Amino acid sequence: MEPSGFGRILLVIGVVALIAGGIFLLLGKMGIGSMPGDMRFGKGNVRVYFPLGTSIVLSIILTVLLNLFLRGR
């Protein structure tokens, strides 16, 4: 692979990571990260967070969106 091609791939990955980070920041401000069904455990200095409710909601939303876009072809 040529260095210019590898550079383009890295730029695309960086842009996608930037957009995903912005989306996660916005979702956190809207309260998506603390939905009913999300489990939090903690004792002392150890804390475990398992976002089960958030995972289910995001899975349903992404399934619907992907079905709308991919079946339309």
PDB file of N, CA and C in Angstrom:
ATOM      1  N   MET A   1       0.849  -1.174   0.000  1.00  0.00           N
ATOM      2  CA  MET A   1       0.000   0.000   0.000  1.00  0.00           C
ATOM      3  C   MET A   1       0.898   1.241   0.000  1.00  0.00           C
ATOM      4  N   GLU A   2       0.516   2.188  -0.783  1.00  0.00           N
ATOM      5  CA  GLU A   2       1.270   3.435  -0.863  1.00  0.00           C
ATOM      6  C   GLU A   2       1.039   4.277   0.395  1.00  0.00           C
ATOM      7  N   PRO A   3       2.028   5.077   0.761  1.00  0.00           N
ATOM      8  CA  PRO A   3       1.853   5.933   1.949  1.00  0.00           C
ATOM      9  C   PRO A   3       0.683   6.902   1.824  1.00  0.00           C
ATOM     10  N   SER A   4       0.408   7.405   0.616  1.00  0.00           N
ATOM     11  CA  SER A   4      -0.714   8.340   0.472  1.00  0.00           C
ATOM     12  C   SER A   4      -2.046   7.636   0.696  1.00  0.00           C
ATOM     13  N   GLY A   5      -2.163   6.394   0.248  1.00  0.00           N
ATOM     14  CA  GLY A   5      -3.398   5.632   0.480  1.00  0.00           C
ATOM     15  C   GLY A   5      -3.599   5.337   1.946  1.00  0.00           C
ATOM     16  N   PHE A   6      -2.493   4.990   2.624  1.00  0.00           N
ATOM     17  CA  PHE A   6      -2.568   4.721   4.054  1.00  0.00           C
ATOM     18  C   PHE A   6      -2.934   5.990   4.822  1.00  0.00           C
ATOM     19  N   GLY A   7      -2.408   7.125   4.374  1.00  0.00           N
ATOM     20  CA  GLY A   7      -2.737   8.405   5.004  1.00  0.00           C
ATOM     21  C   GLY A   7      -4.209   8.741   4.874  1.00  0.00           C
ATOM     22  N   ARG A   8      -4.771   8.470   3.710  1.00  0.00           N
ATOM     23  CA  ARG A   8      -6.213   8.730   3.512  1.00  0.00           C
ATOM     24  C   ARG A   8      -7.053   7.852   4.423  1.00  0.00           C
ATOM     25  N   ILE A   9      -6.659   6.592   4.556  1.00  0.00           N
ATOM     26  CA  ILE A   9      -7.402   5.685   5.436  1.00  0.00           C
ATOM     27  C   ILE A   9      -7.358   6.203   6.874  1.00  0.00           C
ATOM     28  N   LEU A  10      -6.183   6.643   7.321  1.00  0.00           N
ATOM     29  CA  LEU A  10      -6.072   7.181   8.677  1.00  0.00           C
ATOM     30  C   LEU A  10      -6.916   8.439   8.866  1.00  0.00           C
ATOM     31  N   LEU A  11      -6.974   9.290   7.843  1.00  0.00           N
ATOM     32  CA  LEU A  11      -7.814  10.489   7.939  1.00  0.00           C
ATOM     33  C   LEU A  11      -9.291  10.127   8.037  1.00  0.00           C
ATOM     34  N   VAL A  12      -9.736   9.167   7.255  1.00  0.00           N
ATOM     35  CA  VAL A  12     -11.141   8.745   7.305  1.00  0.00           C
ATOM     36  C   VAL A  12     -11.460   8.157   8.674  1.00  0.00           C
ATOM     37  N   ILE A  13     -10.558   7.321   9.201  1.00  0.00           N
ATOM     38  CA  ILE A  13     -10.774   6.747  10.535  1.00  0.00           C
ATOM     39  C   ILE A  13     -10.843   7.850  11.582  1.00  0.00           C
ATOM     40  N   GLY A  14      -9.993   8.862  11.463  1.00  0.00           N
ATOM     41  CA  GLY A  14     -10.001   9.974  12.403  1.00  0.00           C
ATOM     42  C   GLY A  14     -11.285  10.770  12.356  1.00  0.00           C
ATOM     43  N   VAL A  15     -11.783  11.031  11.150  1.00  0.00           N
ATOM     44  CA  VAL A  15     -13.038  11.785  10.998  1.00  0.00           C
ATOM     45  C   VAL A  15     -14.205  10.988  11.569  1.00  0.00           C
ATOM     46  N   VAL A  16     -14.237   9.680  11.296  1.00  0.00           N
ATOM     47  CA  VAL A  16     -15.310   8.832  11.832  1.00  0.00           C
ATOM     48  C   VAL A  16     -15.244   8.808  13.359  1.00  0.00           C
ATOM     49  N   ALA A  17     -14.037   8.705  13.919  1.00  0.00           N
ATOM     50  CA  ALA A  17     -13.886   8.705  15.375  1.00  0.00           C
ATOM     51  C   ALA A  17     -14.332  10.041  15.972  1.00  0.00           C
ATOM     52  N   LEU A  18     -14.031  11.137  15.299  1.00  0.00           N
ATOM     53  CA  LEU A  18     -14.443  12.464  15.765  1.00  0.00           C
ATOM     54  C   LEU A  18     -15.962  12.591  15.773  1.00  0.00           C
ATOM     55  N   ILE A  19     -16.607  12.146  14.712  1.00  0.00           N
ATOM     56  CA  ILE A  19     -18.069  12.210  14.634  1.00  0.00           C
ATOM     57  C   ILE A  19     -18.700  11.312  15.696  1.00  0.00           C
ATOM     58  N   ALA A  20     -18.171  10.090  15.854  1.00  0.00           N
ATOM     59  CA  ALA A  20     -18.715   9.167  16.857  1.00  0.00           C
ATOM     60  C   ALA A  20     -18.541   9.746  18.263  1.00  0.00           C
ATOM     61  N   GLY A  21     -17.401  10.361  18.539  1.00  0.00           N
ATOM     62  CA  GLY A  21     -17.183  10.979  19.843  1.00  0.00           C
ATOM     63  C   GLY A  21     -18.167  12.102  20.114  1.00  0.00           C
ATOM     64  N   GLY A  22     -18.431  12.921  19.104  1.00  0.00           N
ATOM     65  CA  GLY A  22     -19.417  13.995  19.256  1.00  0.00           C
ATOM     66  C   GLY A  22     -20.811  13.462  19.518  1.00  0.00           C
ATOM     67  N   ILE A  23     -21.163  12.394  18.821  1.00  0.00           N
ATOM     68  CA  ILE A  23     -22.483  11.786  19.030  1.00  0.00           C
ATOM     69  C   ILE A  23     -22.596  11.250  20.449  1.00  0.00           C
ATOM     70  N   PHE A  24     -21.543  10.575  20.929  1.00  0.00           N
ATOM     71  CA  PHE A  24     -21.591  10.036  22.287  1.00  0.00           C
ATOM     72  C   PHE A  24     -21.657  11.144  23.331  1.00  0.00           C
ATOM     73  N   LEU A  25     -20.978  12.257  23.096  1.00  0.00           N
ATOM     74  CA  LEU A  25     -21.080  13.384  24.021  1.00  0.00           C
ATOM     75  C   LEU A  25     -22.500  13.942  24.060  1.00  0.00           C
ATOM     76  N   LEU A  26     -23.119  14.079  22.886  1.00  0.00           N
ATOM     77  CA  LEU A  26     -24.488  14.587  22.842  1.00  0.00           C
ATOM     78  C   LEU A  26     -25.464  13.616  23.498  1.00  0.00           C
ATOM     79  N   LEU A  27     -25.290  12.321  23.258  1.00  0.00           N
ATOM     80  CA  LEU A  27     -26.175  11.328  23.877  1.00  0.00           C
ATOM     81  C   LEU A  27     -26.024  11.336  25.397  1.00  0.00           C
ATOM     82  N   GLY A  28     -24.811  11.541  25.885  1.00  0.00           N
ATOM     83  CA  GLY A  28     -24.596  11.611  27.332  1.00  0.00           C
ATOM     84  C   GLY A  28     -25.282  12.816  27.948  1.00  0.00           C
ATOM     85  N   LYS A  29     -25.289  13.937  27.236  1.00  0.00           N
ATOM     86  CA  LYS A  29     -25.958  15.141  27.740  1.00  0.00           C
ATOM     87  C   LYS A  29     -27.476  14.970  27.762  1.00  0.00           C
ATOM     88  N   MET A  30     -27.999  14.137  26.844  1.00  0.00           N
ATOM     89  CA  MET A  30     -29.444  13.916  26.770  1.00  0.00           C
ATOM     90  C   MET A  30     -29.911  12.850  27.755  1.00  0.00           C
ATOM     91  N   GLY A  31     -28.998  12.206  28.472  1.00  0.00           N
ATOM     92  CA  GLY A  31     -29.395  11.220  29.473  1.00  0.00           C
ATOM     93  C   GLY A  31     -29.488   9.807  28.946  1.00  0.00           C
ATOM     94  N   ILE A  32     -28.970   9.552  27.754  1.00  0.00           N
ATOM     95  CA  ILE A  32     -29.062   8.215  27.177  1.00  0.00           C
ATOM     96  C   ILE A  32     -28.215   7.229  27.979  1.00  0.00           C
ATOM     97  N   GLY A  33     -27.147   7.662  28.604  1.00  0.00           N
ATOM     98  CA  GLY A  33     -26.259   6.764  29.332  1.00  0.00           C
ATOM     99  C   GLY A  33     -26.777   6.327  30.687  1.00  0.00           C
ATOM    100  N   SER A  34     -27.921   6.803  31.111  1.00  0.00           N
ATOM    101  CA  SER A  34     -28.463   6.419  32.420  1.00  0.00           C
ATOM    102  C   SER A  34     -29.930   6.051  32.306  1.00  0.00           C
ATOM    103  N   MET A  35     -30.197   5.100  31.439  1.00  0.00           N
ATOM    104  CA  MET A  35     -31.572   4.655  31.210  1.00  0.00           C
ATOM    105  C   MET A  35     -31.960   3.568  32.199  1.00  0.00           C
ATOM    106  N   PRO A  36     -33.262   3.348  32.378  1.00  0.00           N
ATOM    107  CA  PRO A  36     -33.684   2.211  33.192  1.00  0.00           C
ATOM    108  C   PRO A  36     -33.181   0.916  32.559  1.00  0.00           C
ATOM    109  N   GLY A  37     -32.690   0.032  33.364  1.00  0.00           N
ATOM    110  CA  GLY A  37     -32.129  -1.211  32.860  1.00  0.00           C
ATOM    111  C   GLY A  37     -30.614  -1.201  32.841  1.00  0.00           C
ATOM    112  N   ASP A  38     -30.009  -0.020  32.955  1.00  0.00           N
ATOM    113  CA  ASP A  38     -28.555   0.067  33.059  1.00  0.00           C
ATOM    114  C   ASP A  38     -28.161  -0.304  34.491  1.00  0.00           C
ATOM    115  N   MET A  39     -27.193  -1.181  34.613  1.00  0.00           N
ATOM    116  CA  MET A  39     -26.807  -1.672  35.930  1.00  0.00           C
ATOM    117  C   MET A  39     -25.481  -1.057  36.361  1.00  0.00           C
ATOM    118  N   ARG A  40     -25.432  -0.656  37.615  1.00  0.00           N
ATOM    119  CA  ARG A  40     -24.216  -0.098  38.206  1.00  0.00           C
ATOM    120  C   ARG A  40     -23.932  -0.822  39.513  1.00  0.00           C
ATOM    121  N   PHE A  41     -22.712  -1.270  39.632  1.00  0.00           N
ATOM    122  CA  PHE A  41     -22.272  -1.932  40.850  1.00  0.00           C
ATOM    123  C   PHE A  41     -21.012  -1.243  41.323  1.00  0.00           C
ATOM    124  N   GLY A  42     -20.842  -1.152  42.620  1.00  0.00           N
ATOM    125  CA  GLY A  42     -19.626  -0.535  43.117  1.00  0.00           C
ATOM    126  C   GLY A  42     -19.352  -0.894  44.561  1.00  0.00           C
ATOM    127  N   LYS A  43     -18.072  -1.027  44.850  1.00  0.00           N
ATOM    128  CA  LYS A  43     -17.651  -1.270  46.221  1.00  0.00           C
ATOM    129  C   LYS A  43     -16.235  -0.738  46.358  1.00  0.00           C
ATOM    130  N   GLY A  44     -16.055   0.194  47.244  1.00  0.00           N
ATOM    131  CA  GLY A  44     -14.729   0.772  47.425  1.00  0.00           C
ATOM    132  C   GLY A  44     -14.317   1.572  46.196  1.00  0.00           C
ATOM    133  N   ASN A  45     -13.159   1.247  45.648  1.00  0.00           N
ATOM    134  CA  ASN A  45     -12.642   1.956  44.482  1.00  0.00           C
ATOM    135  C   ASN A  45     -13.034   1.299  43.165  1.00  0.00           C
ATOM    136  N   VAL A  46     -13.773   0.216  43.216  1.00  0.00           N
ATOM    137  CA  VAL A  46     -14.135  -0.515  41.999  1.00  0.00           C
ATOM    138  C   VAL A  46     -15.590  -0.214  41.646  1.00  0.00           C
ATOM    139  N   ARG A  47     -15.797   0.218  40.409  1.00  0.00           N
ATOM    140  CA  ARG A  47     -17.149   0.478  39.919  1.00  0.00           C
ATOM    141  C   ARG A  47     -17.322  -0.223  38.579  1.00  0.00           C
ATOM    142  N   VAL A  48     -18.463  -0.882  38.410  1.00  0.00           N
ATOM    143  CA  VAL A  48     -18.772  -1.578  37.163  1.00  0.00           C
ATOM    144  C   VAL A  48     -20.081  -1.018  36.635  1.00  0.00           C
ATOM    145  N   TYR A  49     -20.093  -0.680  35.364  1.00  0.00           N
ATOM    146  CA  TYR A  49     -21.285  -0.130  34.717  1.00  0.00           C
ATOM    147  C   TYR A  49     -21.613  -1.011  33.525  1.00  0.00           C
ATOM    148  N   PHE A  50     -22.824  -1.565  33.488  1.00  0.00           N
ATOM    149  CA  PHE A  50     -23.259  -2.419  32.394  1.00  0.00           C
ATOM    150  C   PHE A  50     -24.511  -1.799  31.778  1.00  0.00           C
ATOM    151  N   PRO A  51     -24.386  -1.144  30.601  1.00  0.00           N
ATOM    152  CA  PRO A  51     -25.512  -0.415  30.004  1.00  0.00           C
ATOM    153  C   PRO A  51     -26.466  -1.314  29.209  1.00  0.00           C
ATOM    154  N   LEU A  52     -27.178  -2.191  29.883  1.00  0.00           N
ATOM    155  CA  LEU A  52     -28.067  -3.125  29.202  1.00  0.00           C
ATOM    156  C   LEU A  52     -29.237  -2.409  28.531  1.00  0.00           C
ATOM    157  N   GLY A  53     -29.903  -1.512  29.229  1.00  0.00           N
ATOM    158  CA  GLY A  53     -31.036  -0.781  28.656  1.00  0.00           C
ATOM    159  C   GLY A  53     -30.624   0.071  27.463  1.00  0.00           C
ATOM    160  N   THR A  54     -29.503   0.765  27.591  1.00  0.00           N
ATOM    161  CA  THR A  54     -28.996   1.590  26.497  1.00  0.00           C
ATOM    162  C   THR A  54     -28.636   0.731  25.293  1.00  0.00           C
ATOM    163  N   SER A  55     -28.033  -0.423  25.535  1.00  0.00           N
ATOM    164  CA  SER A  55     -27.650  -1.317  24.441  1.00  0.00           C
ATOM    165  C   SER A  55     -28.871  -1.817  23.682  1.00  0.00           C
ATOM    166  N   ILE A  56     -29.921  -2.140  24.387  1.00  0.00           N
ATOM    167  CA  ILE A  56     -31.141  -2.630  23.732  1.00  0.00           C
ATOM    168  C   ILE A  56     -31.774  -1.526  22.888  1.00  0.00           C
ATOM    169  N   VAL A  57     -31.866  -0.321  23.431  1.00  0.00           N
ATOM    170  CA  VAL A  57     -32.469   0.789  22.690  1.00  0.00           C
ATOM    171  C   VAL A  57     -31.646   1.113  21.444  1.00  0.00           C
ATOM    172  N   LEU A  58     -30.316   1.206  21.579  1.00  0.00           N
ATOM    173  CA  LEU A  58     -29.469   1.490  20.419  1.00  0.00           C
ATOM    174  C   LEU A  58     -29.540   0.384  19.384  1.00  0.00           C
ATOM    175  N   SER A  59     -29.641  -0.862  19.824  1.00  0.00           N
ATOM    176  CA  SER A  59     -29.756  -1.979  18.897  1.00  0.00           C
ATOM    177  C   SER A  59     -31.045  -1.895  18.080  1.00  0.00           C
ATOM    178  N   ILE A  60     -32.131  -1.556  18.726  1.00  0.00           N
ATOM    179  CA  ILE A  60     -33.407  -1.434  18.014  1.00  0.00           C
ATOM    180  C   ILE A  60     -33.362  -0.277  17.018  1.00  0.00           C
ATOM    181  N   ILE A  61     -32.830   0.866  17.441  1.00  0.00           N
ATOM    182  CA  ILE A  61     -32.750   2.031  16.554  1.00  0.00           C
ATOM    183  C   ILE A  61     -31.870   1.732  15.346  1.00  0.00           C
ATOM    184  N   LEU A  62     -30.697   1.142  15.567  1.00  0.00           N
ATOM    185  CA  LEU A  62     -29.795   0.838  14.462  1.00  0.00           C
ATOM    186  C   LEU A  62     -30.371  -0.229  13.532  1.00  0.00           C
ATOM    187  N   THR A  63     -31.085  -1.205  14.073  1.00  0.00           N
ATOM    188  CA  THR A  63     -31.722  -2.229  13.240  1.00  0.00           C
ATOM    189  C   THR A  63     -32.760  -1.605  12.324  1.00  0.00           C
ATOM    190  N   VAL A  64     -33.588  -0.726  12.861  1.00  0.00           N
ATOM    191  CA  VAL A  64     -34.613  -0.068  12.048  1.00  0.00           C
ATOM    192  C   VAL A  64     -33.969   0.793  10.965  1.00  0.00           C
ATOM    193  N   LEU A  65     -32.959   1.583  11.343  1.00  0.00           N
ATOM    194  CA  LEU A  65     -32.302   2.447  10.358  1.00  0.00           C
ATOM    195  C   LEU A  65     -31.611   1.649   9.257  1.00  0.00           C
ATOM    196  N   LEU A  66     -30.900   0.601   9.629  1.00  0.00           N
ATOM    197  CA  LEU A  66     -30.215  -0.204   8.620  1.00  0.00           C
ATOM    198  C   LEU A  66     -31.208  -0.910   7.701  1.00  0.00           C
ATOM    199  N   ASN A  67     -32.317  -1.381   8.249  1.00  0.00           N
ATOM    200  CA  ASN A  67     -33.333  -2.015   7.400  1.00  0.00           C
ATOM    201  C   ASN A  67     -33.954  -1.009   6.430  1.00  0.00           C
ATOM    202  N   LEU A  68     -34.169   0.207   6.881  1.00  0.00           N
ATOM    203  CA  LEU A  68     -34.730   1.217   5.987  1.00  0.00           C
ATOM    204  C   LEU A  68     -33.763   1.549   4.835  1.00  0.00           C
ATOM    205  N   PHE A  69     -32.485   1.681   5.152  1.00  0.00           N
ATOM    206  CA  PHE A  69     -31.510   2.084   4.129  1.00  0.00           C
ATOM    207  C   PHE A  69     -31.095   0.925   3.231  1.00  0.00           C
ATOM    208  N   LEU A  70     -30.916  -0.261   3.775  1.00  0.00           N
ATOM    209  CA  LEU A  70     -30.401  -1.367   2.969  1.00  0.00           C
ATOM    210  C   LEU A  70     -31.488  -2.078   2.172  1.00  0.00           C
ATOM    211  N   ARG A  71     -32.717  -2.063   2.623  1.00  0.00           N
ATOM    212  CA  ARG A  71     -33.795  -2.705   1.863  1.00  0.00           C
ATOM    213  C   ARG A  71     -34.329  -1.802   0.761  1.00  0.00           C
ATOM    214  N   GLY A  72     -34.001  -0.537   0.824  1.00  0.00           N
ATOM    215  CA  GLY A  72     -34.457   0.404  -0.180  1.00  0.00           C
ATOM    216  C   GLY A  72     -33.691   0.283  -1.496  1.00  0.00           C
ATOM    217  N   ARG A  73     -32.618  -0.485  -1.507  1.00  0.00           N
ATOM    218  CA  ARG A  73     -31.794  -0.619  -2.719  1.00  0.00           C
ATOM    219  C   ARG A  73     -32.395  -1.556  -3.704  1.00  0.00           C
TER     220      ARG A  73
END
